[in-house]
C-alpha atoms as a PDB file:
ATOM      1  CA  MET A   1     -10.182 -56.389 -39.424  1.00  0.00           C
ATOM      2  CA  GLU A   2     -12.213 -53.464 -40.663  1.00  0.00           C
ATOM      3  CA  PRO A   3     -12.529 -53.015 -44.436  1.00  0.00           C
ATOM      4  CA  ASN A   4     -10.856 -50.144 -46.240  1.00  0.00           C
ATOM      5  CA  VAL A   5     -12.599 -47.757 -48.596  1.00  0.00           C
ATOM      6  CA  ILE A   6     -11.061 -46.108 -51.639  1.00  0.00           C
ATOM      7  CA  LEU A   7     -10.495 -42.373 -51.214  1.00  0.00           C
ATOM      8  CA  VAL A   8     -11.126 -40.387 -54.390  1.00  0.00           C
ATOM      9  CA  ASP A   9     -11.036 -36.816 -55.647  1.00  0.00           C
ATOM     10  CA  PRO A  10     -14.140 -35.082 -57.093  1.00  0.00           C
ATOM     11  CA  LEU A  11     -13.425 -36.726 -60.492  1.00  0.00           C
ATOM     12  CA  ASP A  12     -13.236 -40.237 -58.944  1.00  0.00           C
ATOM     13  CA  ASN A  13      -9.458 -40.510 -59.282  1.00  0.00           C
ATOM     14  CA  GLU A  14      -8.040 -42.766 -56.571  1.00  0.00           C
ATOM     15  CA  LEU A  15      -6.066 -41.031 -53.836  1.00  0.00           C
ATOM     16  CA  GLY A  16      -5.474 -43.923 -51.448  1.00  0.00           C
ATOM     17  CA  VAL A  17      -7.316 -46.063 -48.913  1.00  0.00           C
ATOM     18  CA  LEU A  18      -8.604 -45.534 -45.397  1.00  0.00           C
ATOM     19  CA  GLU A  19     -10.426 -47.662 -42.835  1.00  0.00           C
ATOM     20  CA  LYS A  20     -14.162 -47.352 -43.386  1.00  0.00           C
ATOM     21  CA  SER A  21     -14.882 -45.973 -39.905  1.00  0.00           C
ATOM     22  CA  MET A  22     -12.140 -43.344 -40.256  1.00  0.00           C
ATOM     23  CA  ALA A  23     -13.547 -42.231 -43.608  1.00  0.00           C
ATOM     24  CA  HIS A  24     -16.913 -41.684 -41.934  1.00  0.00           C
ATOM     25  CA  LEU A  25     -15.574 -39.838 -38.870  1.00  0.00           C
ATOM     26  CA  ALA A  26     -14.646 -36.836 -40.970  1.00  0.00           C
ATOM     27  CA  PRO A  27     -15.967 -36.197 -44.418  1.00  0.00           C
ATOM     28  CA  HIS A  28     -13.453 -38.073 -46.613  1.00  0.00           C
ATOM     29  CA  LEU A  29     -14.729 -38.499 -50.170  1.00  0.00           C
ATOM     30  CA  HIS A  30     -14.699 -42.196 -51.026  1.00  0.00           C
ATOM     31  CA  ARG A  31     -16.013 -44.509 -53.734  1.00  0.00           C
ATOM     32  CA  ALA A  32     -19.334 -46.284 -53.275  1.00  0.00           C
ATOM     33  CA  PHE A  33     -22.008 -47.925 -55.374  1.00  0.00           C
ATOM     34  CA  SER A  34     -25.773 -48.266 -55.300  1.00  0.00           C
ATOM     35  CA  VAL A  35     -27.526 -51.185 -56.990  1.00  0.00           C
ATOM     36  CA  PHE A  36     -31.163 -50.918 -58.072  1.00  0.00           C
ATOM     37  CA  LEU A  37     -33.055 -53.978 -59.271  1.00  0.00           C
ATOM     38  CA  HIS A  38     -36.399 -53.796 -61.017  1.00  0.00           C
ATOM     39  CA  ASP A  39     -38.993 -56.014 -62.624  1.00  0.00           C
ATOM     40  CA  GLY A  40     -40.963 -53.937 -65.099  1.00  0.00           C
ATOM     41  CA  THR A  41     -42.167 -50.895 -63.156  1.00  0.00           C
ATOM     42  CA  ARG A  42     -41.520 -52.464 -59.749  1.00  0.00           C
ATOM     43  CA  MET A  43     -38.356 -51.691 -57.796  1.00  0.00           C
ATOM     44  CA  LEU A  44     -36.850 -53.932 -55.131  1.00  0.00           C
ATOM     45  CA  VAL A  45     -36.045 -51.834 -52.054  1.00  0.00           C
ATOM     46  CA  GLN A  46     -34.537 -52.704 -48.702  1.00  0.00           C
ATOM     47  CA  GLN A  47     -35.006 -51.407 -45.214  1.00  0.00           C
ATOM     48  CA  ARG A  48     -31.538 -51.180 -43.698  1.00  0.00           C
ATOM     49  CA  ALA A  49     -30.918 -53.315 -40.621  1.00  0.00           C
ATOM     50  CA  LEU A  50     -31.893 -51.453 -37.470  1.00  0.00           C
ATOM     51  CA  GLU A  51     -28.433 -52.041 -35.967  1.00  0.00           C
ATOM     52  CA  LYS A  52     -26.536 -50.328 -38.817  1.00  0.00           C
ATOM     53  CA  TYR A  53     -24.297 -47.553 -37.504  1.00  0.00           C
ATOM     54  CA  HIS A  54     -26.061 -45.012 -39.707  1.00  0.00           C
ATOM     55  CA  SER A  55     -29.391 -44.922 -41.504  1.00  0.00           C
ATOM     56  CA  GLY A  56     -30.580 -48.033 -39.635  1.00  0.00           C
ATOM     57  CA  GLY A  57     -34.259 -48.672 -40.339  1.00  0.00           C
ATOM     58  CA  LEU A  58     -34.345 -46.312 -43.332  1.00  0.00           C
ATOM     59  CA  TRP A  59     -35.390 -47.525 -46.758  1.00  0.00           C
ATOM     60  CA  ALA A  60     -32.871 -47.594 -49.589  1.00  0.00           C
ATOM     61  CA  ASN A  61     -32.036 -49.259 -52.879  1.00  0.00           C
ATOM     62  CA  THR A  62     -31.569 -53.006 -53.287  1.00  0.00           C
ATOM     63  CA  CYS A  63     -27.901 -52.872 -52.253  1.00  0.00           C
ATOM     64  CA  CYS A  64     -25.405 -50.163 -51.347  1.00  0.00           C
ATOM     65  CA  SER A  65     -21.778 -50.650 -50.418  1.00  0.00           C
ATOM     66  CA  HIS A  66     -18.153 -49.809 -51.168  1.00  0.00           C
ATOM     67  CA  PRO A  67     -15.778 -51.557 -53.553  1.00  0.00           C
ATOM     68  CA  ARG A  68     -12.691 -52.976 -51.907  1.00  0.00           C
ATOM     69  CA  PRO A  69      -9.278 -51.719 -52.967  1.00  0.00           C
ATOM     70  CA  GLY A  70      -8.143 -53.466 -56.140  1.00  0.00           C
ATOM     71  CA  GLU A  71     -11.641 -54.731 -56.949  1.00  0.00           C
ATOM     72  CA  ASP A  72     -13.385 -54.072 -60.241  1.00  0.00           C
ATOM     73  CA  LEU A  73     -16.396 -51.829 -59.566  1.00  0.00           C
ATOM     74  CA  THR A  74     -18.999 -53.955 -61.366  1.00  0.00           C
ATOM     75  CA  SER A  75     -17.658 -57.220 -59.923  1.00  0.00           C
ATOM     76  CA  SER A  76     -17.788 -55.655 -56.490  1.00  0.00           C
ATOM     77  CA  ALA A  77     -21.428 -54.601 -56.987  1.00  0.00           C
ATOM     78  CA  VAL A  78     -22.346 -58.143 -58.091  1.00  0.00           C
ATOM     79  CA  SER A  79     -20.532 -59.692 -55.102  1.00  0.00           C
ATOM     80  CA  ARG A  80     -21.945 -57.319 -52.507  1.00  0.00           C
ATOM     81  CA  LEU A  81     -25.453 -57.716 -53.943  1.00  0.00           C
ATOM     82  CA  TYR A  82     -25.194 -61.445 -53.252  1.00  0.00           C
ATOM     83  CA  GLU A  83     -23.677 -60.926 -49.770  1.00  0.00           C
ATOM     84  CA  GLU A  84     -26.438 -58.504 -48.694  1.00  0.00           C
ATOM     85  CA  THR A  85     -29.490 -60.009 -50.393  1.00  0.00           C
ATOM     86  CA  GLY A  86     -28.700 -63.519 -51.630  1.00  0.00           C
ATOM     87  CA  ILE A  87     -29.433 -62.327 -55.171  1.00  0.00           C
ATOM     88  CA  ARG A  88     -27.291 -63.462 -58.081  1.00  0.00           C
ATOM     89  CA  CYS A  89     -27.647 -60.878 -60.833  1.00  0.00           C
ATOM     90  CA  ALA A  90     -24.543 -60.472 -62.967  1.00  0.00           C
ATOM     91  CA  ASP A  91     -26.224 -58.241 -65.553  1.00  0.00           C
ATOM     92  CA  LEU A  92     -25.829 -54.850 -63.859  1.00  0.00           C
ATOM     93  CA  ASN A  93     -25.514 -51.757 -66.024  1.00  0.00           C
ATOM     94  CA  HIS A  94     -23.745 -48.608 -64.867  1.00  0.00           C
ATOM     95  CA  GLN A  95     -26.166 -45.678 -65.267  1.00  0.00           C
ATOM     96  CA  PHE A  96     -24.549 -42.601 -63.734  1.00  0.00           C
ATOM     97  CA  GLU A  97     -22.609 -41.374 -60.750  1.00  0.00           C
ATOM     98  CA  PHE A  98     -23.105 -38.536 -58.282  1.00  0.00           C
ATOM     99  CA  THR A  99     -21.492 -37.099 -55.182  1.00  0.00           C
ATOM    100  CA  TYR A 100     -23.310 -36.405 -51.943  1.00  0.00           C
ATOM    101  CA  ILE A 101     -22.532 -35.578 -48.354  1.00  0.00           C
ATOM    102  CA  ALA A 102     -24.715 -36.308 -45.335  1.00  0.00           C
ATOM    103  CA  LYS A 103     -23.989 -35.437 -41.709  1.00  0.00           C
ATOM    104  CA  PHE A 104     -25.583 -37.851 -39.251  1.00  0.00           C
ATOM    105  CA  ASP A 105     -24.133 -36.393 -36.062  1.00  0.00           C
ATOM    106  CA  GLU A 106     -21.107 -34.440 -34.891  1.00  0.00           C
ATOM    107  CA  PHE A 107     -18.706 -37.273 -35.748  1.00  0.00           C
ATOM    108  CA  LEU A 108     -20.409 -39.279 -38.490  1.00  0.00           C
ATOM    109  CA  TYR A 109     -20.539 -38.376 -42.162  1.00  0.00           C
ATOM    110  CA  GLU A 110     -21.178 -40.008 -45.497  1.00  0.00           C
ATOM    111  CA  TYR A 111     -19.277 -38.316 -48.307  1.00  0.00           C
ATOM    112  CA  GLU A 112     -19.425 -40.544 -51.328  1.00  0.00           C
ATOM    113  CA  TYR A 113     -18.750 -40.643 -55.014  1.00  0.00           C
ATOM    114  CA  ASP A 114     -21.575 -43.073 -55.756  1.00  0.00           C
ATOM    115  CA  HIS A 115     -21.756 -45.220 -58.908  1.00  0.00           C
ATOM    116  CA  VAL A 116     -25.331 -46.256 -59.680  1.00  0.00           C
ATOM    117  CA  PHE A 117     -26.126 -49.619 -61.284  1.00  0.00           C
ATOM    118  CA  LEU A 118     -29.429 -50.927 -62.613  1.00  0.00           C
ATOM    119  CA  GLY A 119     -30.431 -54.513 -63.307  1.00  0.00           C
ATOM    120  CA  LYS A 120     -33.539 -56.530 -64.112  1.00  0.00           C
ATOM    121  CA  TYR A 121     -34.523 -59.264 -61.679  1.00  0.00           C
ATOM    122  CA  ASP A 122     -37.661 -61.259 -60.915  1.00  0.00           C
ATOM    123  CA  GLY A 123     -36.447 -63.956 -58.541  1.00  0.00           C
ATOM    124  CA  SER A 124     -36.324 -64.535 -54.823  1.00  0.00           C
ATOM    125  CA  PHE A 125     -34.050 -62.992 -52.219  1.00  0.00           C
ATOM    126  CA  THR A 126     -32.603 -63.994 -48.863  1.00  0.00           C
ATOM    127  CA  PRO A 127     -31.475 -60.852 -47.041  1.00  0.00           C
ATOM    128  CA  ASN A 128     -28.502 -60.933 -44.690  1.00  0.00           C
ATOM    129  CA  PRO A 129     -30.010 -59.846 -41.323  1.00  0.00           C
ATOM    130  CA  LEU A 130     -26.813 -57.966 -40.427  1.00  0.00           C
ATOM    131  CA  GLU A 131     -27.397 -55.722 -43.435  1.00  0.00           C
ATOM    132  CA  VAL A 132     -31.107 -55.800 -44.215  1.00  0.00           C
ATOM    133  CA  GLU A 133     -34.190 -55.632 -41.980  1.00  0.00           C
ATOM    134  CA  GLN A 134     -36.613 -56.429 -44.812  1.00  0.00           C
ATOM    135  CA  MET A 135     -37.045 -56.167 -48.574  1.00  0.00           C
ATOM    136  CA  CYS A 136     -40.064 -55.625 -50.763  1.00  0.00           C
ATOM    137  CA  TRP A 137     -41.192 -54.758 -54.253  1.00  0.00           C
ATOM    138  CA  VAL A 138     -42.781 -51.348 -54.736  1.00  0.00           C
ATOM    139  CA  GLU A 139     -44.334 -49.749 -57.798  1.00  0.00           C
ATOM    140  CA  CYS A 140     -42.195 -46.856 -59.047  1.00  0.00           C
ATOM    141  CA  ALA A 141     -45.150 -44.434 -59.154  1.00  0.00           C
ATOM    142  CA  ASP A 142     -46.034 -45.256 -55.535  1.00  0.00           C
ATOM    143  CA  LEU A 143     -42.412 -44.850 -54.499  1.00  0.00           C
ATOM    144  CA  LEU A 144     -42.132 -41.417 -56.143  1.00  0.00           C
ATOM    145  CA  LEU A 145     -45.177 -40.233 -54.224  1.00  0.00           C
ATOM    146  CA  ASP A 146     -43.890 -41.639 -50.929  1.00  0.00           C
ATOM    147  CA  LEU A 147     -40.480 -39.998 -51.438  1.00  0.00           C
ATOM    148  CA  ARG A 148     -42.264 -36.627 -51.587  1.00  0.00           C
ATOM    149  CA  VAL A 149     -44.704 -37.252 -48.741  1.00  0.00           C
ATOM    150  CA  HIS A 150     -42.422 -39.171 -46.328  1.00  0.00           C
ATOM    151  CA  PRO A 151     -38.773 -38.322 -47.159  1.00  0.00           C
ATOM    152  CA  HIS A 152     -37.738 -39.025 -43.538  1.00  0.00           C
ATOM    153  CA  LYS A 153     -38.274 -42.775 -44.181  1.00  0.00           C
ATOM    154  CA  TYR A 154     -35.457 -42.913 -46.760  1.00  0.00           C
ATOM    155  CA  ALA A 155     -31.657 -42.866 -46.735  1.00  0.00           C
ATOM    156  CA  PRO A 156     -30.181 -39.559 -47.948  1.00  0.00           C
ATOM    157  CA  TRP A 157     -28.489 -41.008 -51.049  1.00  0.00           C
ATOM    158  CA  PHE A 158     -31.708 -42.780 -52.039  1.00  0.00           C
ATOM    159  CA  LEU A 159     -33.614 -39.483 -52.066  1.00  0.00           C
ATOM    160  CA  ILE A 160     -31.108 -38.184 -54.617  1.00  0.00           C
ATOM    161  CA  CYS A 161     -30.705 -41.122 -56.989  1.00  0.00           C
ATOM    162  CA  ALA A 162     -34.037 -42.999 -56.805  1.00  0.00           C
ATOM    163  CA  PRO A 163     -36.005 -40.424 -58.856  1.00  0.00           C
ATOM    164  CA  LYS A 164     -33.338 -40.547 -61.596  1.00  0.00           C
ATOM    165  CA  ILE A 165     -33.401 -44.359 -61.684  1.00  0.00           C
ATOM    166  CA  ILE A 166     -37.204 -44.394 -61.698  1.00  0.00           C
ATOM    167  CA  ARG A 167     -37.163 -42.115 -64.740  1.00  0.00           C
ATOM    168  CA  ILE A 168     -34.770 -44.522 -66.495  1.00  0.00           C
ATOM    169  CA  ILE A 169     -36.953 -47.520 -65.600  1.00  0.00           C
ATOM    170  CA  LEU A 170     -40.155 -45.862 -66.802  1.00  0.00           C
ATOM    171  CA  GLU A 171     -38.543 -44.797 -70.093  1.00  0.00           C
ATOM    172  CA  GLN A 172     -37.489 -48.372 -70.961  1.00  0.00           C
END
């Protein structure tokens, strides 16, 4: 059975639930989260699995997903982080949220109210091959430059929130 996503209004108030694929067929605003892990000035990024139905092969943050209906947002981020990457990191801190819309083709959209979490981590990872093609550590300064020079390599939400997270990391 396909998972449901939580439909929200522009202030993140819940409006109901909808099957994930249906939410992406037309632009239905729904709740999501993005997890960024860092070790000092290095950020752990993932290349999305090539077989993903959108943004396959593009680089993104450590983990991105949707909370399930009835799930606590932070608990969901911790659980999905483990499911996608094999990383156990319970100390995630909510940083900010933003809304974005991306059109991938005539019938596929992402329209998300995205909650962004940041955590410190310096351990190993075991990516789920259904979700992640590969993962690597990258210096924040190098990543900022590459975002400007090669934006086509990155997922649309990552282009929006990565510079903000990098600023937070570098100010710590």
